[in-house]
Amino acid sequence: MLTVRELLHDLDVRLLTGEAAIDVPVRWVHISELRDPTPWMSGGEVLLTTGMQLNTPERQREFVSRLADHQVAALGFGVGFGHQRVPPALAEAAAQREFPVFEVPYEVPFIAVTEAAFTQLVNEQYAVLRRAIAAHERLERVVLSERGLEALAGTLATLIGAAVLVFDPRGEPLVQRAFRRALEPEAVAALQRELCDRGRRREARTFLPAHAELADRALALPVAADGGLGAAERVPEAWLVAIKDNGSLSDFDRLTLHQAVTIVALELLRGRVAGDTERRLAGDVLAAIVDGELTGLELSRRLEPFGLSERVAAIVVQRPNDGRGSPAPVEEALGAALREEVASGLVASTGSLTCALVAGIDEPDLFALAARVGQRLPTELGLGLRIGVGRPVAGGDARRSFHEARCAVEALALAAEPEHNGSASSPGALRLATYKDLGSFQLLLSLQDDEALRLFCDSILGPIEASEGHYGGELMRSLEAFIEENGQWERAAKRLYCHRHTLRYRIRRVEELTGRNLSSARDRIEFWLALRGRELVA
């Protein structure tokens, strides 16, 4: 930065006092004839005056004291106007305070001083701007190379010589990269609490962190979803925080950080778009698996981009509230739980179920993985969940593992006591079942002879489809809803968007056509097996 020494070097002026303090930076040059110009100054300026109102030694000494107390960089005193030389009282007071005072001859106009200062200040700002543009281009290359938020934070930390942290709106860290000085955990925790508090108050303004360890060397900036600084009235998408190793942030640091806000927003957007695309592709693949459109080598090929090869296994989660509402929260929680377990997989939803196809591992490890993942999900969702696990199979046979996991989930519901009798499991409890828990029904669901499985399904469901025509489809949907809701009339009717009396009529009609009694647990299980078997051979 421009200093008093550099400013005076090429000027025909004479330094009278304060030589020890002339290496202080100059931020501006100001001209005033007021007795007290400090209310219009912020510190760091060089003040030029002719001392027109400084006509007594007392005023002169007071004038110097005010400037020194206000952290003014230096005083240039123009002679040949009200004073033929710098007043001795003023020079004496300046010498006592080691405050720089230089004499400006009558022949040197004040504009010569201001032009010299402004030329150097503009050149400095231009140099800072060029450095900031180069830094911006470097950050852009990191984003375009798709190296991720971690690499972006590391590059930014190197550019400004500071630790760089990115937090989500709740104050949870997304990325944390130190420069040379390790961050104090207590300071980071205090910063998290401050961000969380600001999020609750919906404050989204740039601020200086309050913790003593971070004072004067840290800056927190909101990152908005539109790529700019967050609007004050809404919660930002993220927070970008920089903490200098030593000293305060420079103009270059601040400018680079403000530019980096846009780059961080672009990286977060890129991650969201990639995640949304992956979820859509995963949903398409899962739908094709469930419908039987993808099998064999073609299915194995489609699973490879998700890190799945050779053997896979299905983990199926029955979503809360009977699967109503967006599946996104469960998908995100399930995906995050798998990432924490360092397990690759495909996560998508179909109907009321959310499924994760994971790499096939030994059964004990697979069941343990499903249990650990399940333990993470209630914490994320705050609700009880039912989870089913299918057996590890070849990638081309993923459909069978999915149906086994699905049947294991539904078997949990079928085995549960009806609600009006009181359930032994608490609302927040996790219930997990595997294909081994299907007992003797495992044999039926694993039949390799599709024709035998089709004959079994037709023997139970055929009378419904054959005798009712188009209305048979409504009976089938009503039957499935009634079974999946474990015989609960209100819940099943709500699921079908019909009145419970309408549902009662349909179920009576099913019983008449099939000669079975749906109040019997055995008949309900056989219907359930037939419905699931029909999906396998569809």
Protein backbone atom coordinates (compact mmCIF):
# COMPACT_ATOMS: atom_id res chain seq x y z
CA MET A 1 0.00 0.00 0.00
CA LEU A 2 0.97 3.65 -0.48
CA THR A 3 2.80 5.04 2.55
CA VAL A 4 3.58 8.58 3.66
CA ARG A 5 7.24 8.00 2.82
CA GLU A 6 6.41 6.94 -0.77
CA LEU A 7 4.04 9.86 -1.21
CA LEU A 8 6.63 12.45 -0.16
CA HIS A 9 9.50 10.88 -2.07
CA ASP A 10 8.86 12.63 -5.40
CA LEU A 11 7.33 15.86 -4.02
CA ASP A 12 9.20 19.10 -3.36
CA VAL A 13 8.12 19.24 0.30
CA ARG A 14 10.00 19.17 3.59
CA LEU A 15 9.28 16.71 6.41
CA LEU A 16 9.44 18.48 9.75
CA THR A 17 8.36 15.89 12.35
CA GLY A 18 7.39 12.24 12.77
CA GLU A 19 10.00 10.56 10.59
CA ALA A 20 9.60 7.35 12.61
CA ALA A 21 5.91 7.15 11.64
CA ILE A 22 6.03 7.85 7.90
CA ASP A 23 5.73 4.19 6.90
CA VAL A 24 2.03 4.11 7.81
CA PRO A 25 -0.35 3.46 4.89
CA VAL A 26 -2.25 6.28 3.17
CA ARG A 27 -5.81 5.55 2.17
CA TRP A 28 -6.79 9.01 0.90
CA VAL A 29 -5.85 12.73 0.74
CA HIS A 30 -8.23 15.29 2.23
CA ILE A 31 -8.18 19.12 2.14
CA SER A 32 -9.84 21.14 4.91
CA GLU A 33 -9.59 24.49 6.69
CA LEU A 34 -11.86 23.46 9.55
CA ARG A 35 -10.60 23.61 13.11
CA ASP A 36 -11.89 20.06 13.58
CA PRO A 37 -12.20 18.07 10.30
CA THR A 38 -12.15 14.66 12.03
CA PRO A 39 -15.94 14.08 11.88
CA TRP A 40 -15.55 13.84 8.09
CA MET A 41 -12.48 11.59 8.18
CA SER A 42 -12.20 7.87 8.90
CA GLY A 43 -8.47 7.58 9.64
CA GLY A 44 -5.49 6.86 7.42
CA GLU A 45 -5.81 10.08 5.40
CA VAL A 46 -3.19 12.74 4.66
CA LEU A 47 -4.73 16.10 5.55
CA LEU A 48 -3.75 19.27 3.67
CA THR A 49 -4.43 22.70 5.21
CA THR A 50 -3.16 26.30 5.19
CA GLY A 51 -4.12 26.77 8.85
CA MET A 52 -6.36 29.76 8.22
CA GLN A 53 -8.21 29.20 11.52
CA LEU A 54 -5.17 28.08 13.50
CA ASN A 55 -4.20 31.57 14.64
CA THR A 56 -3.22 30.77 18.26
CA PRO A 57 -0.74 28.29 19.74
CA GLU A 58 -3.54 26.71 21.76
CA ARG A 59 -5.64 26.03 18.64
CA GLN A 60 -2.58 24.67 16.87
CA ARG A 61 -1.78 22.19 19.64
CA GLU A 62 -5.46 21.09 19.87
CA PHE A 63 -5.51 20.60 16.09
CA VAL A 64 -2.50 18.25 16.15
CA SER A 65 -3.94 16.27 19.08
CA ARG A 66 -7.26 15.75 17.28
CA LEU A 67 -5.54 14.49 14.13
CA ALA A 68 -3.18 12.17 16.00
CA ASP A 69 -6.00 10.76 18.13
CA HIS A 70 -8.06 10.11 14.99
CA GLN A 71 -5.25 8.06 13.39
CA VAL A 72 -4.70 10.54 10.55
CA ALA A 73 -1.61 9.46 8.55
CA ALA A 74 0.07 12.88 8.21
CA LEU A 75 -0.49 16.63 7.97
CA GLY A 76 0.65 18.73 5.03
CA PHE A 77 0.83 22.43 6.01
CA GLY A 78 0.75 24.91 3.14
CA VAL A 79 2.79 28.08 3.82
CA GLY A 80 2.61 31.50 2.18
CA PHE A 81 -1.07 32.03 2.92
CA GLY A 82 -2.06 32.59 6.55
CA HIS A 83 1.37 31.49 7.80
CA GLN A 84 4.82 32.11 6.32
CA ARG A 85 6.13 28.95 7.98
CA VAL A 86 4.76 26.06 10.02
CA PRO A 87 3.83 27.47 13.44
CA PRO A 88 6.37 26.42 16.12
CA ALA A 89 3.61 25.39 18.57
CA LEU A 90 2.13 23.07 15.94
CA ALA A 91 5.52 21.55 15.07
CA GLU A 92 6.37 21.11 18.75
CA ALA A 93 3.07 19.35 19.50
CA ALA A 94 3.53 17.08 16.45
CA ALA A 95 7.08 16.18 17.52
CA GLN A 96 5.84 15.21 20.97
CA ARG A 97 3.23 12.88 19.43
CA GLU A 98 5.64 11.62 16.70
CA PHE A 99 3.01 12.75 14.24
CA PRO A 100 4.27 13.35 10.66
CA VAL A 101 4.03 17.01 9.52
CA PHE A 102 5.47 18.22 6.22
CA GLU A 103 5.70 21.75 4.89
CA VAL A 104 4.17 22.44 1.46
CA PRO A 105 5.83 25.49 -0.19
CA TYR A 106 3.67 28.19 -1.80
CA GLU A 107 4.98 27.09 -5.22
CA VAL A 108 3.62 23.53 -4.75
CA PRO A 109 -0.16 23.48 -5.18
CA PHE A 110 -2.21 21.04 -3.14
CA ILE A 111 -3.41 19.41 -6.36
CA ALA A 112 0.16 18.23 -6.99
CA VAL A 113 0.00 16.30 -3.71
CA THR A 114 -3.46 14.86 -4.39
CA GLU A 115 -2.55 13.84 -7.97
CA ALA A 116 0.59 12.07 -6.77
CA ALA A 117 -1.41 10.20 -4.13
CA PHE A 118 -4.35 9.36 -6.35
CA THR A 119 -2.10 8.09 -9.14
CA GLN A 120 -0.43 5.63 -6.82
CA LEU A 121 -3.70 4.65 -5.13
CA VAL A 122 -5.37 3.98 -8.47
CA ASN A 123 -2.38 1.93 -9.61
CA GLU A 124 -2.57 -0.07 -6.40
CA GLN A 125 -6.29 -0.69 -6.83
CA TYR A 126 -5.73 -1.68 -10.44
CA ALA A 127 -3.04 -4.15 -9.37
CA VAL A 128 -5.39 -5.58 -6.73
CA LEU A 129 -8.15 -5.86 -9.32
CA ARG A 130 -5.87 -7.67 -11.77
CA ARG A 131 -4.82 -10.11 -9.04
CA ALA A 132 -8.47 -10.65 -8.09
CA ILE A 133 -9.43 -11.32 -11.73
CA ALA A 134 -6.61 -13.85 -12.03
CA ALA A 135 -7.79 -15.50 -8.79
CA HIS A 136 -11.38 -15.57 -10.11
CA GLU A 137 -10.25 -17.26 -13.33
CA ARG A 138 -8.32 -19.84 -11.33
CA LEU A 139 -11.38 -20.63 -9.22
CA GLU A 140 -13.48 -20.89 -12.39
CA ARG A 141 -11.08 -23.51 -13.77
CA VAL A 142 -11.51 -25.56 -10.60
CA VAL A 143 -15.30 -25.54 -11.04
CA LEU A 144 -15.12 -26.35 -14.76
CA SER A 145 -12.79 -29.25 -14.06
CA GLU A 146 -15.45 -30.66 -11.67
CA ARG A 147 -12.94 -31.21 -8.87
CA GLY A 148 -15.55 -30.47 -6.24
CA LEU A 149 -16.12 -28.11 -3.32
CA GLU A 150 -13.12 -29.48 -1.41
CA ALA A 151 -10.68 -28.52 -4.19
CA LEU A 152 -12.37 -25.13 -4.56
CA ALA A 153 -11.94 -24.35 -0.87
CA GLY A 154 -8.31 -25.51 -0.97
CA THR A 155 -7.51 -23.27 -3.93
CA LEU A 156 -9.19 -20.28 -2.29
CA ALA A 157 -7.26 -20.89 0.95
CA THR A 158 -3.99 -20.83 -0.98
CA LEU A 159 -4.90 -17.65 -2.86
CA ILE A 160 -5.70 -15.55 0.21
CA GLY A 161 -3.51 -17.28 2.80
CA ALA A 162 -6.42 -18.14 5.09
CA ALA A 163 -8.49 -21.05 6.29
CA VAL A 164 -11.66 -21.43 4.23
CA LEU A 165 -14.84 -23.04 5.53
CA VAL A 166 -18.21 -23.61 3.86
CA PHE A 167 -21.26 -24.24 6.04
CA ASP A 168 -24.82 -25.20 5.18
CA PRO A 169 -27.68 -22.89 6.30
CA ARG A 170 -27.91 -24.70 9.66
CA GLY A 171 -24.24 -24.10 10.41
CA GLU A 172 -23.14 -27.67 9.65
CA PRO A 173 -19.70 -27.75 7.93
CA LEU A 174 -19.63 -28.85 4.30
CA VAL A 175 -15.91 -28.20 3.74
CA GLN A 176 -13.09 -27.07 6.02
CA ARG A 177 -9.61 -26.32 4.68
CA ALA A 178 -6.86 -24.77 6.79
CA PHE A 179 -3.92 -22.86 5.28
CA ARG A 180 -0.90 -23.19 7.58
CA ARG A 181 -2.37 -22.50 11.00
CA ALA A 182 -4.68 -25.14 12.46
CA LEU A 183 -8.13 -23.91 13.45
CA GLU A 184 -9.14 -23.97 17.08
CA PRO A 185 -12.09 -26.39 17.52
CA GLU A 186 -13.63 -24.06 20.10
CA ALA A 187 -13.56 -21.15 17.64
CA VAL A 188 -15.13 -23.26 14.89
CA ALA A 189 -17.85 -24.45 17.28
CA ALA A 190 -18.58 -20.86 18.30
CA LEU A 191 -18.79 -19.90 14.63
CA GLN A 192 -21.26 -22.74 13.99
CA ARG A 193 -23.46 -21.56 16.85
CA GLU A 194 -23.39 -18.01 15.53
CA LEU A 195 -24.37 -19.15 12.02
CA CYS A 196 -27.15 -21.35 13.40
CA ASP A 197 -28.47 -18.44 15.45
CA ARG A 198 -28.43 -16.15 12.42
CA GLY A 199 -30.27 -18.81 10.44
CA ARG A 200 -33.06 -18.95 13.04
CA ARG A 201 -33.33 -15.16 12.89
CA ARG A 202 -33.27 -15.31 9.06
CA GLU A 203 -30.30 -12.95 8.91
CA ALA A 204 -28.24 -13.22 5.75
CA ARG A 205 -25.73 -10.38 5.87
CA THR A 206 -21.97 -10.38 5.70
CA PHE A 207 -20.57 -10.17 9.22
CA LEU A 208 -17.42 -10.36 11.33
CA PRO A 209 -17.50 -13.42 13.64
CA ALA A 210 -17.77 -12.43 17.29
CA HIS A 211 -15.48 -15.04 18.88
CA ALA A 212 -12.31 -13.51 20.38
CA GLU A 213 -10.08 -16.02 18.58
CA LEU A 214 -11.47 -14.84 15.23
CA ALA A 215 -11.61 -11.11 15.94
CA ASP A 216 -10.25 -8.88 13.15
CA ARG A 217 -9.08 -11.81 11.03
CA ALA A 218 -12.28 -13.51 9.84
CA LEU A 219 -15.17 -12.71 7.53
CA ALA A 220 -18.43 -14.63 6.90
CA LEU A 221 -20.35 -14.12 3.66
CA PRO A 222 -23.79 -15.55 2.75
CA VAL A 223 -24.07 -17.58 -0.46
CA ALA A 224 -27.43 -17.20 -2.18
CA ALA A 225 -29.02 -19.80 -4.46
CA ASP A 226 -28.97 -17.29 -7.33
CA GLY A 227 -25.19 -17.01 -7.10
CA GLY A 228 -24.99 -13.62 -5.40
CA LEU A 229 -24.71 -12.41 -1.86
CA GLY A 230 -27.70 -13.65 0.13
CA ALA A 231 -30.63 -11.28 0.52
CA ALA A 232 -30.99 -10.09 4.09
CA GLU A 233 -34.54 -11.41 4.46
CA ARG A 234 -33.95 -15.04 3.48
CA VAL A 235 -31.80 -17.88 4.73
CA PRO A 236 -28.77 -18.31 2.44
CA GLU A 237 -27.98 -21.56 0.72
CA ALA A 238 -24.58 -21.67 2.43
CA TRP A 239 -22.00 -19.56 4.27
CA LEU A 240 -18.46 -18.89 3.05
CA VAL A 241 -16.05 -18.08 5.89
CA ALA A 242 -12.38 -17.07 5.66
CA ILE A 243 -10.05 -16.91 8.66
CA LYS A 244 -6.58 -15.40 8.13
CA ASP A 245 -3.66 -17.21 9.71
CA ASN A 246 -2.21 -13.91 10.87
CA GLY A 247 -3.31 -10.31 10.59
CA SER A 248 -6.44 -8.95 9.02
CA LEU A 249 -7.92 -9.50 5.57
CA SER A 250 -6.46 -7.27 2.85
CA ASP A 251 -8.38 -5.51 0.09
CA PHE A 252 -7.35 -8.30 -2.27
CA ASP A 253 -8.60 -10.93 0.20
CA ARG A 254 -11.97 -9.22 0.56
CA LEU A 255 -12.42 -8.70 -3.16
CA THR A 256 -11.47 -12.30 -3.90
CA LEU A 257 -13.89 -13.58 -1.26
CA HIS A 258 -16.78 -11.56 -2.67
CA GLN A 259 -16.01 -13.00 -6.12
CA ALA A 260 -15.67 -16.49 -4.64
CA VAL A 261 -19.25 -16.31 -3.35
CA THR A 262 -20.49 -16.64 -6.93
CA ILE A 263 -18.06 -19.48 -7.65
CA VAL A 264 -19.15 -21.40 -4.54
CA ALA A 265 -22.81 -20.91 -5.52
CA LEU A 266 -22.05 -22.31 -9.00
CA GLU A 267 -20.30 -25.34 -7.48
CA LEU A 268 -23.22 -26.00 -5.15
CA LEU A 269 -25.61 -25.64 -8.09
CA ARG A 270 -23.51 -28.04 -10.15
CA GLY A 271 -23.63 -30.55 -7.30
CA ARG A 272 -27.42 -30.21 -7.04
CA VAL A 273 -27.92 -30.63 -10.77
CA ALA A 274 -25.64 -33.67 -10.81
CA GLY A 275 -27.50 -35.11 -7.83
CA ASP A 276 -30.90 -34.48 -9.41
CA THR A 277 -29.75 -36.07 -12.66
CA GLU A 278 -28.38 -39.08 -10.83
CA ARG A 279 -31.65 -39.46 -8.89
CA ARG A 280 -33.67 -39.31 -12.11
CA LEU A 281 -31.43 -41.90 -13.74
CA ALA A 282 -31.61 -44.06 -10.61
CA GLY A 283 -35.41 -43.75 -10.62
CA ASP A 284 -35.57 -44.79 -14.26
CA VAL A 285 -33.34 -47.80 -13.63
CA LEU A 286 -35.31 -48.88 -10.55
CA ALA A 287 -38.63 -48.51 -12.39
CA ALA A 288 -37.29 -50.65 -15.22
CA ILE A 289 -36.09 -53.25 -12.69
CA VAL A 290 -39.45 -53.40 -10.93
CA ASP A 291 -41.36 -53.64 -14.22
CA GLY A 292 -39.03 -56.35 -15.53
CA GLU A 293 -37.94 -54.22 -18.50
CA LEU A 294 -34.24 -54.55 -17.60
CA THR A 295 -32.64 -57.90 -16.87
CA GLY A 296 -29.47 -59.81 -17.51
CA LEU A 297 -26.45 -58.20 -19.15
CA GLU A 298 -28.27 -54.99 -20.07
CA LEU A 299 -29.24 -54.42 -16.43
CA SER A 300 -25.69 -55.13 -15.29
CA ARG A 301 -24.42 -52.56 -17.79
CA ARG A 302 -26.90 -49.92 -16.56
CA LEU A 303 -25.82 -50.51 -12.93
CA GLU A 304 -22.10 -49.98 -13.58
CA PRO A 305 -22.22 -46.12 -13.50
CA PHE A 306 -23.57 -46.39 -9.94
CA GLY A 307 -20.52 -48.35 -8.79
CA LEU A 308 -22.39 -51.67 -8.88
CA SER A 309 -20.87 -54.65 -10.62
CA GLU A 310 -21.31 -58.41 -10.50
CA ARG A 311 -23.41 -58.86 -7.33
CA VAL A 312 -25.99 -56.51 -5.79
CA ALA A 313 -28.48 -56.57 -2.94
CA ALA A 314 -31.58 -54.48 -2.23
CA ILE A 315 -32.32 -52.55 0.95
CA VAL A 316 -35.92 -51.32 0.91
CA VAL A 317 -37.37 -48.69 3.25
CA GLN A 318 -41.10 -48.24 3.79
CA ARG A 319 -41.44 -44.46 3.89
CA PRO A 320 -43.30 -42.79 6.77
CA ASN A 321 -46.94 -41.74 6.40
CA ASP A 322 -47.59 -44.67 4.07
CA GLY A 323 -45.27 -43.17 1.47
CA ARG A 324 -47.36 -40.06 0.92
CA GLY A 325 -45.49 -36.85 0.24
CA SER A 326 -42.13 -36.31 -1.42
CA PRO A 327 -39.65 -39.20 -1.26
CA ALA A 328 -36.73 -36.74 -1.41
CA PRO A 329 -36.07 -36.53 2.37
CA VAL A 330 -35.83 -40.31 2.72
CA GLU A 331 -33.74 -40.62 -0.45
CA GLU A 332 -31.31 -37.96 0.76
CA ALA A 333 -31.07 -39.48 4.24
CA LEU A 334 -30.57 -42.99 2.83
CA GLY A 335 -27.93 -41.75 0.36
CA ALA A 336 -26.12 -39.83 3.11
CA ALA A 337 -26.18 -42.87 5.40
CA LEU A 338 -24.64 -45.03 2.66
CA ARG A 339 -21.94 -42.42 1.99
CA GLU A 340 -21.06 -42.37 5.69
CA GLU A 341 -20.71 -46.15 5.48
CA VAL A 342 -18.52 -45.72 2.35
CA ALA A 343 -20.92 -47.92 0.42
CA SER A 344 -21.64 -47.30 -3.26
CA GLY A 345 -25.21 -47.70 -4.39
CA LEU A 346 -28.25 -46.60 -6.33
CA VAL A 347 -31.01 -44.86 -4.36
CA ALA A 348 -34.48 -44.28 -5.80
CA SER A 349 -38.16 -44.59 -4.94
CA THR A 350 -41.05 -46.53 -6.35
CA GLY A 351 -44.52 -46.18 -4.94
CA SER A 352 -44.36 -45.94 -1.15
CA LEU A 353 -40.91 -47.56 -1.01
CA THR A 354 -37.42 -46.13 -1.22
CA CYS A 355 -34.80 -48.62 -2.37
CA ALA A 356 -31.01 -48.73 -2.22
CA LEU A 357 -29.25 -51.23 -4.45
CA VAL A 358 -25.83 -51.79 -2.88
CA ALA A 359 -22.83 -53.85 -3.86
CA GLY A 360 -23.41 -57.47 -2.91
CA ILE A 361 -21.27 -58.47 0.06
CA ASP A 362 -21.37 -61.44 2.42
CA GLU A 363 -24.74 -61.82 4.12
CA PRO A 364 -23.57 -61.08 7.69
CA ASP A 365 -21.86 -57.88 6.49
CA LEU A 366 -24.89 -56.96 4.38
CA PHE A 367 -27.33 -57.36 7.27
CA ALA A 368 -25.00 -55.41 9.59
CA LEU A 369 -24.74 -52.63 6.97
CA ALA A 370 -28.54 -52.45 6.67
CA ALA A 371 -28.88 -52.24 10.45
CA ARG A 372 -26.32 -49.43 10.73
CA VAL A 373 -27.93 -47.52 7.87
CA GLY A 374 -31.32 -48.00 9.47
CA GLN A 375 -30.07 -46.64 12.78
CA ARG A 376 -29.04 -43.43 11.02
CA LEU A 377 -32.40 -42.93 9.28
CA PRO A 378 -34.68 -42.46 12.32
CA THR A 379 -32.31 -39.75 13.56
CA GLU A 380 -32.65 -37.97 10.23
CA LEU A 381 -36.40 -38.43 9.90
CA GLY A 382 -37.61 -38.60 13.48
CA LEU A 383 -40.00 -41.46 12.61
CA GLY A 384 -40.14 -45.22 12.94
CA LEU A 385 -39.19 -47.15 9.81
CA ARG A 386 -39.56 -50.64 8.40
CA ILE A 387 -36.57 -51.92 6.42
CA GLY A 388 -36.25 -55.06 4.35
CA VAL A 389 -33.11 -56.66 2.94
CA GLY A 390 -32.96 -58.96 -0.09
CA ARG A 391 -30.31 -61.56 -0.78
CA PRO A 392 -27.13 -60.73 -2.78
CA VAL A 393 -27.72 -61.72 -6.41
CA ALA A 394 -26.10 -61.26 -9.79
CA GLY A 395 -26.60 -57.72 -11.13
CA GLY A 396 -28.95 -58.98 -13.85
CA ASP A 397 -31.25 -60.53 -11.22
CA ALA A 398 -31.60 -57.40 -9.07
CA ARG A 399 -35.39 -57.60 -9.46
CA ARG A 400 -35.59 -60.70 -7.28
CA SER A 401 -33.53 -59.12 -4.51
CA PHE A 402 -35.81 -56.07 -4.64
CA HIS A 403 -38.97 -58.17 -4.35
CA GLU A 404 -37.53 -60.19 -1.49
CA ALA A 405 -36.67 -56.98 0.37
CA ARG A 406 -40.10 -55.55 -0.38
CA CYS A 407 -41.83 -58.70 0.84
CA ALA A 408 -39.71 -58.65 3.99
CA VAL A 409 -40.91 -55.10 4.68
CA GLU A 410 -44.53 -56.00 4.08
CA ALA A 411 -44.18 -59.16 6.16
CA LEU A 412 -43.30 -56.89 9.08
CA ALA A 413 -46.62 -55.11 8.61
CA LEU A 414 -48.55 -58.36 8.21
CA ALA A 415 -46.96 -59.77 11.36
CA ALA A 416 -47.73 -56.64 13.39
CA GLU A 417 -50.80 -56.57 15.59
CA PRO A 418 -53.64 -54.28 14.40
CA GLU A 419 -53.51 -50.77 15.79
CA HIS A 420 -56.71 -51.05 17.85
CA ASN A 421 -55.15 -53.89 19.81
CA GLY A 422 -52.11 -51.72 20.67
CA SER A 423 -48.72 -52.20 19.11
CA ALA A 424 -45.77 -53.40 21.13
CA SER A 425 -43.31 -51.37 19.08
CA SER A 426 -42.82 -47.71 19.83
CA PRO A 427 -43.47 -45.13 17.07
CA GLY A 428 -39.79 -44.29 16.78
CA ALA A 429 -38.53 -47.89 16.76
CA LEU A 430 -36.66 -49.30 13.79
CA ARG A 431 -37.85 -52.68 12.51
CA LEU A 432 -35.67 -54.64 10.12
CA ALA A 433 -36.32 -57.91 8.34
CA THR A 434 -34.36 -59.87 5.77
CA TYR A 435 -35.38 -62.36 3.13
CA LYS A 436 -34.56 -65.09 5.65
CA ASP A 437 -37.44 -63.88 7.81
CA LEU A 438 -39.91 -64.84 5.07
CA GLY A 439 -39.81 -68.43 6.32
CA SER A 440 -41.49 -70.97 4.05
CA PHE A 441 -42.75 -68.22 1.74
CA GLN A 442 -39.13 -67.62 0.73
CA LEU A 443 -39.33 -70.83 -1.28
CA LEU A 444 -42.27 -69.55 -3.32
CA LEU A 445 -40.76 -66.16 -4.02
CA SER A 446 -37.45 -67.68 -5.13
CA LEU A 447 -38.98 -70.13 -7.62
CA GLN A 448 -36.97 -70.13 -10.82
CA ASP A 449 -39.92 -71.63 -12.74
CA ASP A 450 -41.96 -68.61 -13.77
CA GLU A 451 -44.74 -70.81 -15.12
CA ALA A 452 -45.21 -72.54 -11.74
CA LEU A 453 -45.32 -69.17 -10.02
CA ARG A 454 -47.82 -67.87 -12.58
CA LEU A 455 -50.10 -70.88 -12.00
CA PHE A 456 -50.04 -70.26 -8.24
CA CYS A 457 -50.97 -66.60 -8.74
CA ASP A 458 -53.74 -67.40 -11.23
CA SER A 459 -55.26 -69.97 -8.86
CA ILE A 460 -55.82 -67.23 -6.28
CA LEU A 461 -56.29 -64.04 -8.31
CA GLY A 462 -57.69 -65.50 -11.54
CA PRO A 463 -61.37 -65.52 -10.40
CA ILE A 464 -61.20 -61.80 -9.67
CA GLU A 465 -59.71 -60.89 -13.04
CA ALA A 466 -61.81 -63.31 -15.08
CA SER A 467 -65.31 -62.52 -13.76
CA GLU A 468 -65.33 -58.74 -13.28
CA GLY A 469 -63.76 -57.40 -16.48
CA HIS A 470 -62.58 -53.83 -16.15
CA TYR A 471 -63.95 -53.62 -12.60
CA GLY A 472 -61.59 -56.45 -11.66
CA GLY A 473 -58.76 -53.91 -11.73
CA GLU A 474 -60.50 -51.86 -9.02
CA LEU A 475 -61.00 -55.00 -6.96
CA MET A 476 -57.31 -55.87 -7.29
CA ARG A 477 -56.20 -52.39 -6.22
CA SER A 478 -58.62 -52.48 -3.29
CA LEU A 479 -57.38 -55.92 -2.27
CA GLU A 480 -53.74 -54.82 -2.35
CA ALA A 481 -54.42 -51.65 -0.36
CA PHE A 482 -56.45 -53.59 2.24
CA ILE A 483 -53.65 -56.13 2.70
CA GLU A 484 -50.83 -53.59 2.78
CA GLU A 485 -52.71 -51.60 5.43
CA ASN A 486 -53.05 -54.83 7.46
CA GLY A 487 -56.84 -54.88 7.36
CA GLN A 488 -57.29 -51.28 8.56
CA TRP A 489 -60.46 -50.07 6.79
CA GLU A 490 -59.99 -46.34 7.34
CA ARG A 491 -56.37 -46.27 6.24
CA ALA A 492 -56.98 -48.48 3.20
CA ALA A 493 -59.99 -46.38 2.10
CA LYS A 494 -57.96 -43.20 2.53
CA ARG A 495 -55.19 -44.68 0.41
CA LEU A 496 -57.72 -45.48 -2.35
CA TYR A 497 -59.51 -42.11 -2.01
CA CYS A 498 -62.86 -43.86 -1.52
CA HIS A 499 -65.39 -44.28 1.30
CA ARG A 500 -64.88 -47.19 3.68
CA HIS A 501 -68.35 -48.61 2.80
CA THR A 502 -67.27 -48.74 -0.85
CA LEU A 503 -64.14 -50.61 0.22
CA ARG A 504 -66.20 -53.03 2.34
CA TYR A 505 -68.38 -53.80 -0.67
CA ARG A 506 -65.32 -54.48 -2.85
CA ILE A 507 -63.70 -56.76 -0.27
CA ARG A 508 -66.94 -58.73 0.13
CA ARG A 509 -67.01 -59.14 -3.64
CA VAL A 510 -63.41 -60.44 -3.60
CA GLU A 511 -64.35 -62.97 -0.92
CA GLU A 512 -67.38 -64.11 -2.95
CA LEU A 513 -65.33 -64.58 -6.11
CA THR A 514 -62.44 -66.43 -4.47
CA GLY A 515 -64.19 -68.28 -1.69
CA ARG A 516 -61.67 -66.93 0.80
CA ASN A 517 -62.06 -64.96 4.02
CA LEU A 518 -59.91 -61.84 4.36
CA SER A 519 -60.40 -61.78 8.13
CA SER A 520 -58.19 -64.89 8.12
CA ALA A 521 -54.47 -64.16 8.44
CA ARG A 522 -53.67 -67.21 6.32
CA ASP A 523 -55.86 -66.07 3.43
CA ARG A 524 -54.48 -62.53 3.63
CA ILE A 525 -50.91 -63.89 3.42
CA GLU A 526 -51.78 -66.07 0.42
CA PHE A 527 -53.32 -63.10 -1.33
CA TRP A 528 -50.22 -61.06 -0.51
CA LEU A 529 -47.93 -63.76 -1.92
CA ALA A 530 -50.02 -64.00 -5.07
CA LEU A 531 -49.89 -60.24 -5.61
CA ARG A 532 -46.12 -60.19 -5.16
CA GLY A 533 -45.65 -63.27 -7.29
CA ARG A 534 -47.70 -61.65 -10.07
CA GLU A 535 -45.19 -58.77 -10.08
CA LEU A 536 -42.31 -61.21 -10.45
CA VAL A 537 -43.77 -62.86 -13.54
CA ALA A 538 -45.35 -59.73 -15.02
